[in-house]
Amino acid sequence: MNILVTGGAGYIGSILVEHFVKKHSVVILDDLSTGKKELINPKATFIHESILNKKQLFKIFSQYKFDLVIHLAAKTVVSESVKKPKLYHQHNVMGTENILLAMQKTNVKKLIFSSSAAVYGMPSKKIIDENINKKPCNPYGISKLKAEEIIKTSNVNYAILRFFNVAGTSKSLKFGMIKDKPTLLIPATNNLILHNQKPVIYGNTYQTKDGTCIRDYVHVEDLIVACEKIIPRLLKNQSGIYNLGSGKGYSVLEIIQLACKINQAKFIYEIKPKRLGDPDILIASIKLAKKQLSWKPKHSLISMIQSDYLFRRKHLK
C-alpha cells in the first residue's frame, strides 16, 4: 500500500513508520513543530509541510495517490491547550478538516485517526467503554472530539483510535519520545531518575488504594499492532471506534516505585498539589478491540518503563 503518515516524525509516528516501511511505501508529512529530524525514518519519503496548508496538501495527495492515511499529527499537551485553545482548534480540528478535504478531492477513502481518552473527560464509571457519555474537560479533549465528529460525517471509511496513556519505545530503541521535559508520567519519571532528581506525584488524596491517580497504560508497539489489524477491516469498508489501552489500572505511586526499582534508583518522591481536572481512576474497556480486531496488548508495564529508560539513557542523557 501507499500510506501517508501525518506526524510521522513524532513519538508514536516514528515507531509506526519503522514497522510499516517493512511492507508498504510510506510518506511522512510533518511540520517538525513537535516532531524531530532525528526521528525521520530514512526508508520513508519525508515531506516538510503543515496540515494547515490546504494548497500544498492537495498537491501532495494528487502526486502520491495514497491508499491509506494515518493521521497522527496534532497538538497534544493538555496544559498548553488550556493556555492556547485556538491553537488546538486550529491544528486538531481544522487540520483534520484539511486532511479530509484533500482525501475527498483525490478519492482516498481509508483513514486511521489517533484520538485520545481525553474525549471522555471525567466519566462517572471507572471502566470506560466507547459508548459512555463524552464530556471532555479541556481544549485538547474538546478538539479531539470535534475532529472525531467531522470524520464520522465524512465519506471515508475510518478507524478512530482512542489512545490511553502510551509508553515504551520501539524494540530497536531507535525511536521513542524525545523531549527534554516530557509531561507523560513514565517518561517524566525516568527523565527525573536519569538526572538524579526526585520523581513527582501530583496529589495523594484521591479515592484510590494509595491516594494517587490510577491510569491505564499501553505500550506503543501494541498500538502499532492494532493499526495493522485495522487495515483489513478498512479494506472491507468497515468503520469503527476503539479504545486502545491495557484494560488494567496502575496508580501513580506504583509506577514511580516500579520505575525506581527497575532503574535501581533510591526511592524518594515529591508530593505536589493536585492538578485540576484529574479524575481518580481511568481504565479502558478494550472488549471491542479484542472482539473485532482480535487484538490484545502483549507488553507488560515493566517493558514500557524499561524500554523508555534505556532509550533515554542511550539518546538523551
C-alpha atoms as a PDB file:
ATOM      1  CA  MET A   1       0.000   0.000   0.000  1.00  0.00           C
ATOM      2  CA  ASN A   2       0.947   3.643  -0.442  1.00  0.00           C
ATOM      3  CA  ILE A   3       0.468   5.189   3.008  1.00  0.00           C
ATOM      4  CA  LEU A   4       0.630   8.757   4.281  1.00  0.00           C
ATOM      5  CA  VAL A   5       1.558   9.185   7.947  1.00  0.00           C
ATOM      6  CA  THR A   6       0.968  12.700   9.252  1.00  0.00           C
ATOM      7  CA  GLY A   7       3.102  13.387  12.313  1.00  0.00           C
ATOM      8  CA  GLY A   8       5.456  10.600  11.238  1.00  0.00           C
ATOM      9  CA  ALA A   9       8.446  12.362  12.826  1.00  0.00           C
ATOM     10  CA  GLY A  10       6.793  12.298  16.241  1.00  0.00           C
ATOM     11  CA  TYR A  11       6.890   9.769  19.074  1.00  0.00           C
ATOM     12  CA  ILE A  12       4.152   7.355  18.004  1.00  0.00           C
ATOM     13  CA  GLY A  13       4.515   8.196  14.309  1.00  0.00           C
ATOM     14  CA  SER A  14       8.200   7.315  14.101  1.00  0.00           C
ATOM     15  CA  ILE A  15       7.632   3.892  15.667  1.00  0.00           C
ATOM     16  CA  LEU A  16       4.642   3.233  13.414  1.00  0.00           C
ATOM     17  CA  VAL A  17       6.690   4.163  10.337  1.00  0.00           C
ATOM     18  CA  GLU A  18       9.511   1.840  11.431  1.00  0.00           C
ATOM     19  CA  HIS A  19       7.020  -1.064  11.256  1.00  0.00           C
ATOM     20  CA  PHE A  20       5.117  -0.028   8.136  1.00  0.00           C
ATOM     21  CA  VAL A  21       8.128   0.665   5.866  1.00  0.00           C
ATOM     22  CA  LYS A  22       8.908  -3.055   6.003  1.00  0.00           C
ATOM     23  CA  LYS A  23       5.788  -3.876   3.960  1.00  0.00           C
ATOM     24  CA  HIS A  24       4.498  -0.622   2.469  1.00  0.00           C
ATOM     25  CA  SER A  25       5.543   2.570   0.706  1.00  0.00           C
ATOM     26  CA  VAL A  26       5.373   5.302   3.361  1.00  0.00           C
ATOM     27  CA  VAL A  27       5.297   9.094   3.053  1.00  0.00           C
ATOM     28  CA  ILE A  28       5.827  11.132   6.224  1.00  0.00           C
ATOM     29  CA  LEU A  29       4.229  14.566   6.408  1.00  0.00           C
ATOM     30  CA  ASP A  30       5.407  16.605   9.397  1.00  0.00           C
ATOM     31  CA  ASP A  31       5.963  20.311  10.060  1.00  0.00           C
ATOM     32  CA  LEU A  32       8.558  19.456  12.771  1.00  0.00           C
ATOM     33  CA  SER A  33       6.890  21.809  15.252  1.00  0.00           C
ATOM     34  CA  THR A  34       6.996  18.960  17.771  1.00  0.00           C
ATOM     35  CA  GLY A  35       8.382  16.167  15.570  1.00  0.00           C
ATOM     36  CA  LYS A  36      12.144  15.682  15.438  1.00  0.00           C
ATOM     37  CA  LYS A  37      14.511  15.396  12.487  1.00  0.00           C
ATOM     38  CA  GLU A  38      16.307  12.500  14.177  1.00  0.00           C
ATOM     39  CA  LEU A  39      13.039  10.525  14.209  1.00  0.00           C
ATOM     40  CA  ILE A  40      12.564  10.718  10.434  1.00  0.00           C
ATOM     41  CA  ASN A  41      12.901   7.218   9.030  1.00  0.00           C
ATOM     42  CA  PRO A  42      15.377   7.206   6.108  1.00  0.00           C
ATOM     43  CA  LYS A  43      13.400   4.419   4.391  1.00  0.00           C
ATOM     44  CA  ALA A  44      10.325   6.654   4.086  1.00  0.00           C
ATOM     45  CA  THR A  45       9.755   9.725   1.910  1.00  0.00           C
ATOM     46  CA  PHE A  46       9.737  12.842   4.072  1.00  0.00           C
ATOM     47  CA  ILE A  47       7.763  15.996   3.267  1.00  0.00           C
ATOM     48  CA  HIS A  48       8.274  19.026   5.499  1.00  0.00           C
ATOM     49  CA  GLU A  49       4.821  20.589   5.438  1.00  0.00           C
ATOM     50  CA  SER A  50       1.927  21.605   7.686  1.00  0.00           C
ATOM     51  CA  ILE A  51      -1.547  20.057   7.628  1.00  0.00           C
ATOM     52  CA  LEU A  52      -2.800  23.663   7.739  1.00  0.00           C
ATOM     53  CA  ASN A  53      -1.545  24.342   4.207  1.00  0.00           C
ATOM     54  CA  LYS A  54      -4.542  23.292   2.082  1.00  0.00           C
ATOM     55  CA  LYS A  55      -2.951  24.113  -1.260  1.00  0.00           C
ATOM     56  CA  GLN A  56       0.178  22.046  -0.613  1.00  0.00           C
ATOM     57  CA  LEU A  57      -1.821  19.182   0.865  1.00  0.00           C
ATOM     58  CA  PHE A  58      -3.843  18.889  -2.332  1.00  0.00           C
ATOM     59  CA  LYS A  59      -0.636  18.860  -4.410  1.00  0.00           C
ATOM     60  CA  ILE A  60       0.878  16.135  -2.225  1.00  0.00           C
ATOM     61  CA  PHE A  61      -2.266  13.982  -2.326  1.00  0.00           C
ATOM     62  CA  SER A  62      -2.530  14.426  -6.101  1.00  0.00           C
ATOM     63  CA  GLN A  63       1.105  13.426  -6.603  1.00  0.00           C
ATOM     64  CA  TYR A  64       1.249  10.312  -4.402  1.00  0.00           C
ATOM     65  CA  LYS A  65      -2.214   8.722  -4.848  1.00  0.00           C
ATOM     66  CA  PHE A  66      -2.441   7.351  -1.312  1.00  0.00           C
ATOM     67  CA  ASP A  67      -4.332   4.165  -0.435  1.00  0.00           C
ATOM     68  CA  LEU A  68      -4.467   4.967   3.286  1.00  0.00           C
ATOM     69  CA  VAL A  69      -3.944   7.980   5.551  1.00  0.00           C
ATOM     70  CA  ILE A  70      -2.801   7.508   9.148  1.00  0.00           C
ATOM     71  CA  HIS A  71      -3.450  10.873  10.763  1.00  0.00           C
ATOM     72  CA  LEU A  72      -1.327  11.319  13.899  1.00  0.00           C
ATOM     73  CA  ALA A  73      -0.322  14.983  13.571  1.00  0.00           C
ATOM     74  CA  ALA A  74      -1.764  17.000  16.465  1.00  0.00           C
ATOM     75  CA  LYS A  75      -1.078  19.269  19.387  1.00  0.00           C
ATOM     76  CA  THR A  76      -1.287  17.051  22.483  1.00  0.00           C
ATOM     77  CA  VAL A  77      -0.271  18.840  25.709  1.00  0.00           C
ATOM     78  CA  VAL A  78      -3.292  19.406  27.948  1.00  0.00           C
ATOM     79  CA  SER A  79      -1.776  22.276  29.946  1.00  0.00           C
ATOM     80  CA  GLU A  80      -0.790  24.082  26.736  1.00  0.00           C
ATOM     81  CA  SER A  81      -4.300  23.609  25.347  1.00  0.00           C
ATOM     82  CA  VAL A  82      -5.755  25.475  28.337  1.00  0.00           C
ATOM     83  CA  LYS A  83      -3.471  28.433  27.587  1.00  0.00           C
ATOM     84  CA  LYS A  84      -3.835  28.257  23.784  1.00  0.00           C
ATOM     85  CA  PRO A  85      -7.284  26.822  22.922  1.00  0.00           C
ATOM     86  CA  LYS A  86      -7.356  28.498  19.481  1.00  0.00           C
ATOM     87  CA  LEU A  87      -4.064  26.844  18.538  1.00  0.00           C
ATOM     88  CA  TYR A  88      -5.506  23.437  19.447  1.00  0.00           C
ATOM     89  CA  HIS A  89      -8.701  24.055  17.485  1.00  0.00           C
ATOM     90  CA  GLN A  90      -6.645  25.191  14.500  1.00  0.00           C
ATOM     91  CA  HIS A  91      -4.316  22.176  14.394  1.00  0.00           C
ATOM     92  CA  ASN A  92      -6.526  19.384  15.689  1.00  0.00           C
ATOM     93  CA  VAL A  93      -9.877  20.365  14.172  1.00  0.00           C
ATOM     94  CA  MET A  94      -9.115  22.499  11.131  1.00  0.00           C
ATOM     95  CA  GLY A  95      -6.041  20.410  10.312  1.00  0.00           C
ATOM     96  CA  THR A  96      -8.206  17.271  10.280  1.00  0.00           C
ATOM     97  CA  GLU A  97     -10.753  19.054   8.072  1.00  0.00           C
ATOM     98  CA  ASN A  98      -7.946  19.854   5.620  1.00  0.00           C
ATOM     99  CA  ILE A  99      -6.817  16.218   5.521  1.00  0.00           C
ATOM    100  CA  LEU A 100     -10.385  15.063   4.845  1.00  0.00           C
ATOM    101  CA  LEU A 101     -10.809  17.673   2.106  1.00  0.00           C
ATOM    102  CA  ALA A 102      -7.608  16.525   0.384  1.00  0.00           C
ATOM    103  CA  MET A 103      -8.767  12.915   0.691  1.00  0.00           C
ATOM    104  CA  GLN A 104     -12.129  13.791  -0.830  1.00  0.00           C
ATOM    105  CA  LYS A 105     -10.583  15.676  -3.753  1.00  0.00           C
ATOM    106  CA  THR A 106      -8.240  12.788  -4.587  1.00  0.00           C
ATOM    107  CA  ASN A 107     -10.669   9.947  -3.822  1.00  0.00           C
ATOM    108  CA  VAL A 108      -8.777   8.486  -0.837  1.00  0.00           C
ATOM    109  CA  LYS A 109     -11.264   6.502   1.234  1.00  0.00           C
ATOM    110  CA  LYS A 110      -9.320   4.932   4.139  1.00  0.00           C
ATOM    111  CA  LEU A 111      -8.350   6.780   7.339  1.00  0.00           C
ATOM    112  CA  ILE A 112      -6.853   5.791  10.692  1.00  0.00           C
ATOM    113  CA  PHE A 113      -7.156   8.650  13.190  1.00  0.00           C
ATOM    114  CA  SER A 114      -5.374   8.944  16.545  1.00  0.00           C
ATOM    115  CA  SER A 115      -7.833  10.247  19.107  1.00  0.00           C
ATOM    116  CA  SER A 116      -7.487  10.198  22.876  1.00  0.00           C
ATOM    117  CA  ALA A 117      -9.042   9.101  26.158  1.00  0.00           C
ATOM    118  CA  ALA A 118      -9.249  12.859  26.827  1.00  0.00           C
ATOM    119  CA  VAL A 119     -12.567  12.859  24.918  1.00  0.00           C
ATOM    120  CA  TYR A 120     -14.181  11.168  27.943  1.00  0.00           C
ATOM    121  CA  GLY A 121     -13.313  13.935  30.413  1.00  0.00           C
ATOM    122  CA  MET A 122     -14.185  12.851  33.960  1.00  0.00           C
ATOM    123  CA  PRO A 123     -16.536   9.880  33.467  1.00  0.00           C
ATOM    124  CA  SER A 124     -18.651   8.501  36.312  1.00  0.00           C
ATOM    125  CA  LYS A 125     -17.545   4.916  35.559  1.00  0.00           C
ATOM    126  CA  LYS A 126     -14.107   3.568  36.371  1.00  0.00           C
ATOM    127  CA  ILE A 127     -14.028   1.226  33.362  1.00  0.00           C
ATOM    128  CA  ILE A 128     -14.737   3.223  30.208  1.00  0.00           C
ATOM    129  CA  ASP A 129     -16.263   1.761  27.063  1.00  0.00           C
ATOM    130  CA  GLU A 130     -16.564   3.539  23.718  1.00  0.00           C
ATOM    131  CA  ASN A 131     -20.245   4.437  24.176  1.00  0.00           C
ATOM    132  CA  ILE A 132     -20.043   6.228  27.514  1.00  0.00           C
ATOM    133  CA  ASN A 133     -21.022   9.915  27.504  1.00  0.00           C
ATOM    134  CA  LYS A 134     -18.160  12.080  26.335  1.00  0.00           C
ATOM    135  CA  LYS A 135     -17.604  15.312  28.262  1.00  0.00           C
ATOM    136  CA  PRO A 136     -14.035  16.489  27.629  1.00  0.00           C
ATOM    137  CA  CYS A 137     -12.847  18.915  30.283  1.00  0.00           C
ATOM    138  CA  ASN A 138     -10.014  20.706  28.458  1.00  0.00           C
ATOM    139  CA  PRO A 139      -9.487  22.216  24.986  1.00  0.00           C
ATOM    140  CA  TYR A 140      -7.292  19.291  23.920  1.00  0.00           C
ATOM    141  CA  GLY A 141     -10.048  16.755  24.600  1.00  0.00           C
ATOM    142  CA  ILE A 142     -12.650  19.040  23.012  1.00  0.00           C
ATOM    143  CA  SER A 143     -10.553  19.382  19.852  1.00  0.00           C
ATOM    144  CA  LYS A 144     -10.143  15.610  19.547  1.00  0.00           C
ATOM    145  CA  LEU A 145     -13.875  15.002  19.982  1.00  0.00           C
ATOM    146  CA  LYS A 146     -14.710  17.637  17.351  1.00  0.00           C
ATOM    147  CA  ALA A 147     -12.243  16.009  14.949  1.00  0.00           C
ATOM    148  CA  GLU A 148     -13.921  12.640  15.565  1.00  0.00           C
ATOM    149  CA  GLU A 149     -17.339  14.128  14.768  1.00  0.00           C
ATOM    150  CA  ILE A 150     -16.068  15.606  11.498  1.00  0.00           C
ATOM    151  CA  ILE A 151     -14.590  12.249  10.473  1.00  0.00           C
ATOM    152  CA  LYS A 152     -17.816  10.377  11.279  1.00  0.00           C
ATOM    153  CA  THR A 153     -19.827  12.677   8.996  1.00  0.00           C
ATOM    154  CA  SER A 154     -17.335  12.399   6.117  1.00  0.00           C
ATOM    155  CA  ASN A 155     -17.478   9.880   3.272  1.00  0.00           C
ATOM    156  CA  VAL A 156     -14.339   7.936   4.315  1.00  0.00           C
ATOM    157  CA  ASN A 157     -14.012   4.530   5.926  1.00  0.00           C
ATOM    158  CA  TYR A 158     -12.398   5.264   9.259  1.00  0.00           C
ATOM    159  CA  ALA A 159     -10.862   3.761  12.359  1.00  0.00           C
ATOM    160  CA  ILE A 160     -10.863   6.192  15.285  1.00  0.00           C
ATOM    161  CA  LEU A 161      -8.401   5.027  17.940  1.00  0.00           C
ATOM    162  CA  ARG A 162      -8.766   6.455  21.431  1.00  0.00           C
ATOM    163  CA  PHE A 163      -5.297   6.052  22.924  1.00  0.00           C
ATOM    164  CA  PHE A 164      -4.948   5.870  26.682  1.00  0.00           C
ATOM    165  CA  ASN A 165      -1.519   6.543  28.264  1.00  0.00           C
ATOM    166  CA  VAL A 166       1.055   5.498  25.680  1.00  0.00           C
ATOM    167  CA  ALA A 167       4.518   4.449  26.847  1.00  0.00           C
ATOM    168  CA  GLY A 168       7.570   2.495  25.762  1.00  0.00           C
ATOM    169  CA  THR A 169       9.734   2.692  22.658  1.00  0.00           C
ATOM    170  CA  SER A 170      10.475   0.663  19.544  1.00  0.00           C
ATOM    171  CA  LYS A 171      12.173  -2.707  20.077  1.00  0.00           C
ATOM    172  CA  SER A 172      15.198  -1.402  18.224  1.00  0.00           C
ATOM    173  CA  LEU A 173      15.478   1.542  20.683  1.00  0.00           C
ATOM    174  CA  LYS A 174      15.963   3.776  17.628  1.00  0.00           C
ATOM    175  CA  PHE A 175      12.661   5.586  18.090  1.00  0.00           C
ATOM    176  CA  GLY A 176      10.968   6.924  21.212  1.00  0.00           C
ATOM    177  CA  MET A 177       9.824  10.070  22.941  1.00  0.00           C
ATOM    178  CA  ILE A 178      12.405  12.812  22.522  1.00  0.00           C
ATOM    179  CA  LYS A 179      11.568  15.610  24.931  1.00  0.00           C
ATOM    180  CA  ASP A 180      13.779  17.367  27.458  1.00  0.00           C
ATOM    181  CA  LYS A 181      10.842  17.752  29.849  1.00  0.00           C
ATOM    182  CA  PRO A 182       8.186  15.155  28.993  1.00  0.00           C
ATOM    183  CA  THR A 183       4.774  15.524  30.617  1.00  0.00           C
ATOM    184  CA  LEU A 184       3.611  11.885  30.464  1.00  0.00           C
ATOM    185  CA  LEU A 185       4.235  10.018  33.719  1.00  0.00           C
ATOM    186  CA  ILE A 186       6.552   7.188  32.646  1.00  0.00           C
ATOM    187  CA  PRO A 187       8.998   9.229  30.524  1.00  0.00           C
ATOM    188  CA  ALA A 188       8.799  12.126  33.015  1.00  0.00           C
ATOM    189  CA  THR A 189       9.689   9.804  35.920  1.00  0.00           C
ATOM    190  CA  ASN A 190      12.510   8.116  34.009  1.00  0.00           C
ATOM    191  CA  ASN A 191      13.825  11.514  32.983  1.00  0.00           C
ATOM    192  CA  LEU A 192      13.977  12.700  36.588  1.00  0.00           C
ATOM    193  CA  ILE A 193      15.657   9.479  37.738  1.00  0.00           C
ATOM    194  CA  LEU A 194      18.278   9.784  34.984  1.00  0.00           C
ATOM    195  CA  HIS A 195      19.075  13.300  36.163  1.00  0.00           C
ATOM    196  CA  ASN A 196      19.144  12.284  39.843  1.00  0.00           C
ATOM    197  CA  GLN A 197      16.040  14.293  40.635  1.00  0.00           C
ATOM    198  CA  LYS A 198      13.001  13.342  42.698  1.00  0.00           C
ATOM    199  CA  PRO A 199      10.005  11.836  40.895  1.00  0.00           C
ATOM    200  CA  VAL A 200       6.863  13.939  41.357  1.00  0.00           C
ATOM    201  CA  ILE A 201       3.346  12.931  42.446  1.00  0.00           C
ATOM    202  CA  TYR A 202       0.575  15.464  41.813  1.00  0.00           C
ATOM    203  CA  GLY A 203      -1.865  14.818  44.639  1.00  0.00           C
ATOM    204  CA  ASN A 204      -2.093  11.886  47.069  1.00  0.00           C
ATOM    205  CA  THR A 205      -5.659  12.291  48.376  1.00  0.00           C
ATOM    206  CA  TYR A 206      -7.601  10.652  45.553  1.00  0.00           C
ATOM    207  CA  GLN A 207     -10.197   7.956  46.297  1.00  0.00           C
ATOM    208  CA  THR A 208      -7.833   5.104  45.437  1.00  0.00           C
ATOM    209  CA  LYS A 209      -5.920   2.417  47.333  1.00  0.00           C
ATOM    210  CA  ASP A 210      -2.847   4.600  47.889  1.00  0.00           C
ATOM    211  CA  GLY A 211      -4.321   8.080  47.333  1.00  0.00           C
ATOM    212  CA  THR A 212      -2.754   8.610  43.904  1.00  0.00           C
ATOM    213  CA  CYS A 213      -4.493   8.584  40.496  1.00  0.00           C
ATOM    214  CA  ILE A 214      -4.993   5.276  38.712  1.00  0.00           C
ATOM    215  CA  ARG A 215      -4.471   5.178  34.959  1.00  0.00           C
ATOM    216  CA  ASP A 216      -4.318   2.712  32.076  1.00  0.00           C
ATOM    217  CA  TYR A 217      -1.008   2.380  30.211  1.00  0.00           C
ATOM    218  CA  VAL A 218      -0.417   0.774  26.815  1.00  0.00           C
ATOM    219  CA  HIS A 219       2.854   0.019  25.021  1.00  0.00           C
ATOM    220  CA  VAL A 220       3.360   1.909  21.767  1.00  0.00           C
ATOM    221  CA  GLU A 221       4.313  -1.341  19.996  1.00  0.00           C
ATOM    222  CA  ASP A 222       0.881  -2.763  20.886  1.00  0.00           C
ATOM    223  CA  LEU A 223      -0.755   0.303  19.320  1.00  0.00           C
ATOM    224  CA  ILE A 224       1.095  -0.362  16.076  1.00  0.00           C
ATOM    225  CA  VAL A 225      -0.191  -3.949  16.013  1.00  0.00           C
ATOM    226  CA  ALA A 226      -3.741  -2.590  16.427  1.00  0.00           C
ATOM    227  CA  CYS A 227      -3.204  -0.296  13.431  1.00  0.00           C
ATOM    228  CA  GLU A 228      -2.042  -3.248  11.348  1.00  0.00           C
ATOM    229  CA  LYS A 229      -5.069  -5.314  12.375  1.00  0.00           C
ATOM    230  CA  ILE A 230      -7.456  -2.497  11.443  1.00  0.00           C
ATOM    231  CA  ILE A 231      -6.376  -2.309   7.790  1.00  0.00           C
ATOM    232  CA  PRO A 232      -8.251  -5.455   6.639  1.00  0.00           C
ATOM    233  CA  ARG A 233     -11.478  -4.021   8.111  1.00  0.00           C
ATOM    234  CA  LEU A 234     -10.949  -0.738   6.265  1.00  0.00           C
ATOM    235  CA  LEU A 235     -10.366  -2.630   3.034  1.00  0.00           C
ATOM    236  CA  LYS A 236     -13.797  -4.201   3.577  1.00  0.00           C
ATOM    237  CA  ASN A 237     -15.275  -0.692   4.061  1.00  0.00           C
ATOM    238  CA  GLN A 238     -15.875  -1.296   7.765  1.00  0.00           C
ATOM    239  CA  SER A 239     -15.502   1.687  10.095  1.00  0.00           C
ATOM    240  CA  GLY A 240     -15.125   1.644  13.879  1.00  0.00           C
ATOM    241  CA  ILE A 241     -14.096   3.441  17.068  1.00  0.00           C
ATOM    242  CA  TYR A 242     -11.819   1.645  19.523  1.00  0.00           C
ATOM    243  CA  ASN A 243     -10.300   2.193  22.939  1.00  0.00           C
ATOM    244  CA  LEU A 244      -6.656   1.159  22.982  1.00  0.00           C
ATOM    245  CA  GLY A 245      -5.305   0.604  26.466  1.00  0.00           C
ATOM    246  CA  SER A 246      -4.299  -2.382  28.576  1.00  0.00           C
ATOM    247  CA  GLY A 247      -7.609  -2.756  30.381  1.00  0.00           C
ATOM    248  CA  LYS A 248      -5.657  -2.545  33.656  1.00  0.00           C
ATOM    249  CA  GLY A 249      -5.087   0.306  36.077  1.00  0.00           C
ATOM    250  CA  TYR A 250      -1.907   1.324  37.866  1.00  0.00           C
ATOM    251  CA  SER A 251      -1.525   4.105  40.412  1.00  0.00           C
ATOM    252  CA  VAL A 252       0.977   6.916  40.028  1.00  0.00           C
ATOM    253  CA  LEU A 253       2.756   5.693  43.159  1.00  0.00           C
ATOM    254  CA  GLU A 254       3.008   2.146  41.747  1.00  0.00           C
ATOM    255  CA  ILE A 255       4.539   3.490  38.539  1.00  0.00           C
ATOM    256  CA  ILE A 256       7.127   5.548  40.406  1.00  0.00           C
ATOM    257  CA  GLN A 257       8.012   2.706  42.785  1.00  0.00           C
ATOM    258  CA  LEU A 258       8.424   0.296  39.875  1.00  0.00           C
ATOM    259  CA  ALA A 259      10.498   2.782  37.848  1.00  0.00           C
ATOM    260  CA  CYS A 260      12.824   3.307  40.809  1.00  0.00           C
ATOM    261  CA  LYS A 261      13.156  -0.447  41.345  1.00  0.00           C
ATOM    262  CA  ILE A 262      13.813  -1.223  37.666  1.00  0.00           C
ATOM    263  CA  ASN A 263      16.348   1.575  37.370  1.00  0.00           C
ATOM    264  CA  GLN A 264      17.943   0.882  40.772  1.00  0.00           C
ATOM    265  CA  ALA A 265      17.199   4.366  41.986  1.00  0.00           C
ATOM    266  CA  LYS A 266      16.761   5.421  45.577  1.00  0.00           C
ATOM    267  CA  PHE A 267      13.041   5.647  46.284  1.00  0.00           C
ATOM    268  CA  ILE A 268      12.369   9.304  47.136  1.00  0.00           C
ATOM    269  CA  TYR A 269       9.498  11.267  45.649  1.00  0.00           C
ATOM    270  CA  GLU A 270       7.992  14.704  45.959  1.00  0.00           C
ATOM    271  CA  ILE A 271       4.293  15.428  46.559  1.00  0.00           C
ATOM    272  CA  LYS A 272       2.828  18.427  44.748  1.00  0.00           C
ATOM    273  CA  PRO A 273      -0.763  19.757  44.703  1.00  0.00           C
ATOM    274  CA  LYS A 274      -3.449  18.076  42.608  1.00  0.00           C
ATOM    275  CA  ARG A 275      -3.870  19.256  39.036  1.00  0.00           C
ATOM    276  CA  LEU A 276      -7.290  20.499  38.012  1.00  0.00           C
ATOM    277  CA  GLY A 277      -9.439  18.024  36.077  1.00  0.00           C
ATOM    278  CA  ASP A 278      -7.615  14.829  37.061  1.00  0.00           C
ATOM    279  CA  PRO A 279     -10.146  12.001  37.642  1.00  0.00           C
ATOM    280  CA  ASP A 280      -9.410   9.427  40.361  1.00  0.00           C
ATOM    281  CA  ILE A 281      -9.498   6.409  38.038  1.00  0.00           C
ATOM    282  CA  LEU A 282      -9.433   5.983  34.243  1.00  0.00           C
ATOM    283  CA  ILE A 283      -9.243   2.453  32.816  1.00  0.00           C
ATOM    284  CA  ALA A 284     -10.133   1.427  29.270  1.00  0.00           C
ATOM    285  CA  SER A 285     -12.581  -1.285  28.356  1.00  0.00           C
ATOM    286  CA  ILE A 286     -10.859  -2.975  25.406  1.00  0.00           C
ATOM    287  CA  LYS A 287     -13.543  -5.606  24.770  1.00  0.00           C
ATOM    288  CA  LEU A 288     -14.468  -4.150  21.375  1.00  0.00           C
ATOM    289  CA  ALA A 289     -10.885  -4.156  20.075  1.00  0.00           C
ATOM    290  CA  LYS A 290     -10.470  -7.734  21.304  1.00  0.00           C
ATOM    291  CA  LYS A 291     -13.681  -8.845  19.598  1.00  0.00           C
ATOM    292  CA  GLN A 292     -13.489  -7.021  16.267  1.00  0.00           C
ATOM    293  CA  LEU A 293      -9.723  -6.812  15.763  1.00  0.00           C
ATOM    294  CA  SER A 294      -8.585  -9.933  17.635  1.00  0.00           C
ATOM    295  CA  TRP A 295      -6.217  -7.574  19.402  1.00  0.00           C
ATOM    296  CA  LYS A 296      -4.914  -7.568  22.916  1.00  0.00           C
ATOM    297  CA  PRO A 297      -1.841  -5.887  24.391  1.00  0.00           C
ATOM    298  CA  LYS A 298       1.157  -8.156  24.958  1.00  0.00           C
ATOM    299  CA  HIS A 299       3.717  -5.849  26.555  1.00  0.00           C
ATOM    300  CA  SER A 300       3.974  -5.510  30.330  1.00  0.00           C
ATOM    301  CA  LEU A 301       4.211  -2.349  32.382  1.00  0.00           C
ATOM    302  CA  ILE A 302       7.801  -3.312  33.190  1.00  0.00           C
ATOM    303  CA  SER A 303       8.721  -3.392  29.481  1.00  0.00           C
ATOM    304  CA  MET A 304       7.118   0.051  28.977  1.00  0.00           C
ATOM    305  CA  ILE A 305       9.178   1.591  31.784  1.00  0.00           C
ATOM    306  CA  GLN A 306      12.385  -0.282  30.968  1.00  0.00           C
ATOM    307  CA  SER A 307      12.414   0.436  27.220  1.00  0.00           C
ATOM    308  CA  ASP A 308      11.731   4.130  27.815  1.00  0.00           C
ATOM    309  CA  TYR A 309      14.551   4.307  30.366  1.00  0.00           C
ATOM    310  CA  LEU A 310      17.032   2.537  28.054  1.00  0.00           C
ATOM    311  CA  PHE A 311      16.062   4.830  25.178  1.00  0.00           C
ATOM    312  CA  ARG A 312      16.589   7.933  27.326  1.00  0.00           C
ATOM    313  CA  ARG A 313      19.905   6.697  28.635  1.00  0.00           C
ATOM    314  CA  LYS A 314      21.072   5.952  25.087  1.00  0.00           C
ATOM    315  CA  HIS A 315      19.848   9.080  23.301  1.00  0.00           C
ATOM    316  CA  LEU A 316      19.098  11.870  25.724  1.00  0.00           C
ATOM    317  CA  LYS A 317      21.319  11.925  28.789  1.00  0.00           C
END
